[in-house]
């Protein structure tokens, strides 16, 4: 295993426009002789063949045989007019991410969705930040440059979920599955739970499982920005999140933050 970066991108068919933008932004941060690679899982049809240097695309079945006759699954099958949904399940992002990291050759892993773009200076920021980390995140911005779910708690007692200042830390930290950096060996020893699919809280489960094993690190010298706009009707923009943030800041000011 070599010292360098492996970018593990999960995608799906029909997301090629954003995926190509994502790839271009990674390439723009590195020189041709740098140690980096891009691993893509999700069967994209990339038309711009000039982007294909340092890229590995892993074939992947988008649907898994997973018979479920729960009320929720039956309602979904009826809504989609497809009883195939009773027997096959899509959205296997844990499988995708685990597969990508397993095939990575470098020790520093960046796991990301196809709508995440590295901002100028990302690589330089991580070089200045150093390698003294096992799980790390950096500044994450929505497309309108507002702060998104980068440095936050999920299950803080009597408060819940909310962003926290970058210079604070809690034992209730949460790492968003949309984008994070991790050392390869640690991830392979603590892989995502493949029983969980998209929308089933796989990143919450992973965060809770690993946060007693390792202290997360925040790199404020590097930034990523979404290539699409995340809804303003969801956290961290809704009133509940704002109220929680204020409560968390009060905990910090009063010296009660844990």
Protein backbone atom coordinates (compact mmCIF):
# COMPACT_ATOMS: atom_id res chain seq x y z
CA UNK A 1 0.00 0.00 0.00
CA UNK A 2 1.43 3.38 -1.05
CA UNK A 3 1.20 6.86 0.38
CA UNK A 4 -1.30 8.74 -1.75
CA UNK A 5 -5.01 9.38 -2.28
CA UNK A 6 -7.74 7.05 -3.50
CA UNK A 7 -11.01 8.83 -4.35
CA UNK A 8 -13.86 6.35 -3.99
CA UNK A 9 -16.92 7.71 -5.76
CA UNK A 10 -20.37 6.14 -5.64
CA UNK A 11 -22.66 6.94 -8.52
CA UNK A 12 -25.55 5.54 -10.54
CA UNK A 13 -26.53 5.55 -14.22
CA UNK A 14 -27.82 8.93 -15.52
CA UNK A 15 -25.66 10.95 -13.13
CA UNK A 16 -22.82 11.29 -15.62
CA UNK A 17 -22.88 15.10 -15.98
CA UNK A 18 -22.22 15.69 -12.29
CA UNK A 19 -19.82 12.75 -12.12
CA UNK A 20 -17.68 14.22 -14.91
CA UNK A 21 -17.56 17.55 -13.05
CA UNK A 22 -16.54 15.70 -9.90
CA UNK A 23 -13.73 13.90 -11.76
CA UNK A 24 -12.46 17.10 -13.39
CA UNK A 25 -12.20 18.80 -10.01
CA UNK A 26 -10.14 15.91 -8.62
CA UNK A 27 -7.81 15.91 -11.63
CA UNK A 28 -7.34 19.67 -11.35
CA UNK A 29 -5.95 19.31 -7.81
CA UNK A 30 -3.21 16.84 -8.79
CA UNK A 31 -0.31 16.62 -11.19
CA UNK A 32 0.06 13.70 -13.56
CA UNK A 33 2.92 12.22 -11.51
CA UNK A 34 1.12 12.50 -8.15
CA UNK A 35 0.05 9.36 -6.31
CA UNK A 36 -3.71 9.36 -6.68
CA UNK A 37 -6.46 7.33 -8.28
CA UNK A 38 -10.20 7.56 -8.82
CA UNK A 39 -12.36 4.50 -8.24
CA UNK A 40 -15.96 4.64 -9.43
CA UNK A 41 -18.71 2.20 -8.49
CA UNK A 42 -22.11 2.51 -10.12
CA UNK A 43 -21.94 1.67 -13.85
CA UNK A 44 -21.65 5.16 -15.34
CA UNK A 45 -21.55 5.83 -19.06
CA UNK A 46 -18.79 8.45 -19.19
CA UNK A 47 -18.59 9.94 -22.68
CA UNK A 48 -15.62 12.22 -22.10
CA UNK A 49 -12.84 9.68 -22.55
CA UNK A 50 -10.18 12.32 -21.83
CA UNK A 51 -11.11 12.00 -18.14
CA UNK A 52 -10.15 8.35 -17.94
CA UNK A 53 -6.57 8.65 -16.69
CA UNK A 54 -6.05 7.33 -13.16
CA UNK A 55 -9.61 6.01 -13.17
CA UNK A 56 -10.84 2.53 -12.32
CA UNK A 57 -14.53 1.67 -12.85
CA UNK A 58 -15.83 -1.35 -10.96
CA UNK A 59 -18.85 -3.19 -12.37
CA UNK A 60 -21.74 -3.30 -9.94
CA UNK A 61 -25.24 -4.76 -9.82
CA UNK A 62 -27.62 -1.97 -8.83
CA UNK A 63 -30.26 -4.37 -7.51
CA UNK A 64 -29.92 -6.98 -4.78
CA UNK A 65 -32.22 -9.93 -4.17
CA UNK A 66 -33.75 -9.01 -0.83
CA UNK A 67 -37.31 -10.31 -0.41
CA UNK A 68 -39.25 -8.17 2.03
CA UNK A 69 -42.98 -8.14 2.58
CA UNK A 70 -43.02 -5.42 5.20
CA UNK A 71 -45.85 -2.89 5.05
CA UNK A 72 -43.36 -0.20 4.05
CA UNK A 73 -42.01 -2.27 1.17
CA UNK A 74 -45.49 -3.24 -0.02
CA UNK A 75 -46.52 0.44 -0.07
CA UNK A 76 -43.37 1.29 -2.03
CA UNK A 77 -44.07 -1.47 -4.54
CA UNK A 78 -47.65 -0.25 -5.06
CA UNK A 79 -46.55 3.37 -5.38
CA UNK A 80 -43.94 2.45 -8.00
CA UNK A 81 -46.31 -0.01 -9.71
CA UNK A 82 -43.55 -2.59 -9.51
CA UNK A 83 -43.92 -5.72 -7.42
CA UNK A 84 -40.31 -6.42 -8.32
CA UNK A 85 -39.56 -4.11 -5.38
CA UNK A 86 -40.85 -6.85 -3.07
CA UNK A 87 -37.95 -9.07 -4.12
CA UNK A 88 -35.16 -6.74 -5.22
CA UNK A 89 -33.66 -3.77 -3.42
CA UNK A 90 -31.64 -0.87 -4.86
CA UNK A 91 -29.51 1.79 -3.20
CA UNK A 92 -26.70 -0.46 -1.95
CA UNK A 93 -24.32 2.39 -1.13
CA UNK A 94 -22.60 0.46 1.66
CA UNK A 95 -21.72 -2.33 -0.77
CA UNK A 96 -20.44 0.27 -3.22
CA UNK A 97 -18.24 2.10 -0.72
CA UNK A 98 -16.84 -1.08 0.80
CA UNK A 99 -16.04 -2.45 -2.66
CA UNK A 100 -14.31 0.76 -3.71
CA UNK A 101 -12.10 0.95 -0.63
CA UNK A 102 -11.24 -2.74 -0.88
CA UNK A 103 -9.87 -2.06 -4.39
CA UNK A 104 -8.00 1.13 -3.40
CA UNK A 105 -4.21 1.07 -3.49
CA UNK A 106 -3.42 4.20 -1.46
CA UNK A 107 -3.57 4.69 2.29
CA UNK A 108 -5.60 7.92 2.31
CA UNK A 109 -9.17 7.36 1.18
CA UNK A 110 -11.73 9.97 0.21
CA UNK A 111 -15.22 8.46 0.09
CA UNK A 112 -17.66 10.69 -1.76
CA UNK A 113 -20.88 10.83 -3.71
CA UNK A 114 -20.80 11.94 -7.33
CA UNK A 115 -22.21 15.40 -6.58
CA UNK A 116 -19.27 16.48 -4.40
CA UNK A 117 -16.60 18.71 -5.89
CA UNK A 118 -13.17 19.53 -4.50
CA UNK A 119 -12.62 23.28 -4.24
CA UNK A 120 -9.36 24.90 -5.38
CA UNK A 121 -6.61 24.28 -2.85
CA UNK A 122 -8.10 21.08 -1.44
CA UNK A 123 -4.88 19.09 -1.88
CA UNK A 124 -2.68 21.89 -0.55
CA UNK A 125 -4.97 22.19 2.47
CA UNK A 126 -4.58 18.53 3.32
CA UNK A 127 -0.82 18.71 2.86
CA UNK A 128 -0.69 21.53 5.41
CA UNK A 129 -3.13 19.70 7.67
CA UNK A 130 -0.83 16.67 7.73
CA UNK A 131 -1.41 12.94 8.07
CA UNK A 132 -2.09 12.74 11.80
CA UNK A 133 -5.67 11.53 11.41
CA UNK A 134 -7.63 8.32 10.89
CA UNK A 135 -11.07 9.74 10.12
CA UNK A 136 -11.27 13.33 8.93
CA UNK A 137 -13.66 15.76 7.35
CA UNK A 138 -13.22 19.26 6.00
CA UNK A 139 -15.49 22.21 5.29
CA UNK A 140 -18.54 21.13 3.29
CA UNK A 141 -20.57 23.75 1.44
CA UNK A 142 -23.91 23.58 -0.30
CA UNK A 143 -24.00 24.94 -3.85
CA UNK A 144 -24.99 28.37 -2.51
CA UNK A 145 -21.82 28.36 -0.33
CA UNK A 146 -23.76 27.89 2.91
CA UNK A 147 -22.30 25.47 5.41
CA UNK A 148 -23.70 21.97 5.19
CA UNK A 149 -23.33 18.82 7.30
CA UNK A 150 -19.62 18.80 8.01
CA UNK A 151 -18.79 19.03 11.75
CA UNK A 152 -21.75 18.04 13.86
CA UNK A 153 -23.35 15.94 16.56
CA UNK A 154 -26.20 13.56 15.95
CA UNK A 155 -27.57 12.34 19.27
CA UNK A 156 -26.48 14.91 21.83
CA UNK A 157 -28.44 14.31 25.07
CA UNK A 158 -31.60 16.40 25.42
CA UNK A 159 -30.75 18.31 22.22
CA UNK A 160 -30.21 15.99 19.29
CA UNK A 161 -28.67 16.90 15.94
CA UNK A 162 -26.83 20.10 15.05
CA UNK A 163 -23.72 21.72 13.64
CA UNK A 164 -21.02 22.74 16.09
CA UNK A 165 -18.09 25.19 15.80
CA UNK A 166 -15.06 23.72 14.07
CA UNK A 167 -12.84 24.08 17.14
CA UNK A 168 -15.07 21.97 19.40
CA UNK A 169 -15.43 18.22 19.77
CA UNK A 170 -18.06 15.93 21.23
CA UNK A 171 -18.32 12.25 22.03
CA UNK A 172 -21.60 12.38 20.10
CA UNK A 173 -20.00 13.25 16.75
CA UNK A 174 -21.47 12.15 13.44
CA UNK A 175 -19.74 11.78 10.07
CA UNK A 176 -21.94 12.28 7.00
CA UNK A 177 -21.75 9.47 4.46
CA UNK A 178 -21.87 12.00 1.62
CA UNK A 179 -18.19 12.84 2.05
CA UNK A 180 -15.43 11.82 4.46
CA UNK A 181 -11.76 10.88 4.53
CA UNK A 182 -10.44 7.76 6.23
CA UNK A 183 -7.29 5.67 6.37
CA UNK A 184 -7.67 2.49 4.34
CA UNK A 185 -6.71 -0.09 6.96
CA UNK A 186 -9.03 1.40 9.57
CA UNK A 187 -11.96 1.42 7.17
CA UNK A 188 -11.40 -2.18 6.10
CA UNK A 189 -11.40 -3.16 9.77
CA UNK A 190 -14.58 -1.13 10.31
CA UNK A 191 -16.55 -1.37 7.08
CA UNK A 192 -20.02 -0.01 6.51
CA UNK A 193 -22.87 -2.35 7.40
CA UNK A 194 -24.03 -3.87 4.11
CA UNK A 195 -27.40 -4.79 5.58
CA UNK A 196 -28.24 -1.08 5.40
CA UNK A 197 -29.22 0.61 2.13
CA UNK A 198 -29.67 4.24 1.07
CA UNK A 199 -31.90 6.16 3.46
CA UNK A 200 -31.51 3.62 6.27
CA UNK A 201 -28.98 5.57 8.34
CA UNK A 202 -25.85 3.68 7.38
CA UNK A 203 -23.63 6.66 8.20
CA UNK A 204 -25.29 7.08 11.61
CA UNK A 205 -24.66 3.43 12.45
CA UNK A 206 -21.02 3.70 11.29
CA UNK A 207 -20.39 6.93 13.22
CA UNK A 208 -21.73 5.48 16.45
CA UNK A 209 -19.72 2.28 15.99
CA UNK A 210 -16.36 3.93 15.36
CA UNK A 211 -16.46 7.11 17.46
CA UNK A 212 -15.41 5.23 20.60
CA UNK A 213 -12.42 3.82 18.71
CA UNK A 214 -10.99 6.95 17.13
CA UNK A 215 -11.16 10.73 17.46
CA UNK A 216 -12.41 12.43 14.31
CA UNK A 217 -10.36 15.34 12.95
CA UNK A 218 -11.56 18.55 11.30
CA UNK A 219 -9.49 20.09 8.50
CA UNK A 220 -10.53 23.71 8.01
CA UNK A 221 -7.82 24.22 5.36
CA UNK A 222 -9.68 22.25 2.67
CA UNK A 223 -13.18 22.65 1.26
CA UNK A 224 -15.62 20.70 -0.88
CA UNK A 225 -18.74 22.11 -2.47
CA UNK A 226 -21.80 20.30 -3.79
CA UNK A 227 -22.37 20.28 -7.53
CA UNK A 228 -26.12 20.44 -6.93
CA UNK A 229 -28.24 22.34 -4.45
CA UNK A 230 -29.26 20.44 -1.35
CA UNK A 231 -32.81 21.38 -0.25
CA UNK A 232 -33.19 24.31 2.12
CA UNK A 233 -36.19 22.51 3.63
CA UNK A 234 -33.88 20.01 5.35
CA UNK A 235 -31.15 20.20 7.98
CA UNK A 236 -29.10 22.21 8.70
CA UNK A 237 -31.45 24.97 7.49
CA UNK A 238 -34.70 24.14 9.25
CA UNK A 239 -35.74 25.80 12.51
CA UNK A 240 -35.21 22.69 14.63
CA UNK A 241 -31.56 22.50 13.61
CA UNK A 242 -31.06 26.22 14.26
CA UNK A 243 -32.60 25.88 17.72
CA UNK A 244 -30.38 22.90 18.43
CA UNK A 245 -27.28 24.80 17.28
CA UNK A 246 -28.07 27.63 19.68
CA UNK A 247 -28.53 25.16 22.52
CA UNK A 248 -25.21 23.50 21.67
CA UNK A 249 -23.42 26.85 21.64
CA UNK A 250 -24.90 27.61 25.06
CA UNK A 251 -23.58 24.27 26.31
CA UNK A 252 -20.14 25.25 25.03
CA UNK A 253 -20.28 28.73 26.61
CA UNK A 254 -21.38 27.28 29.96
CA UNK A 255 -18.62 24.69 29.93
CA UNK A 256 -21.07 21.79 29.90
CA UNK A 257 -20.34 20.55 26.39
CA UNK A 258 -19.35 16.90 26.20
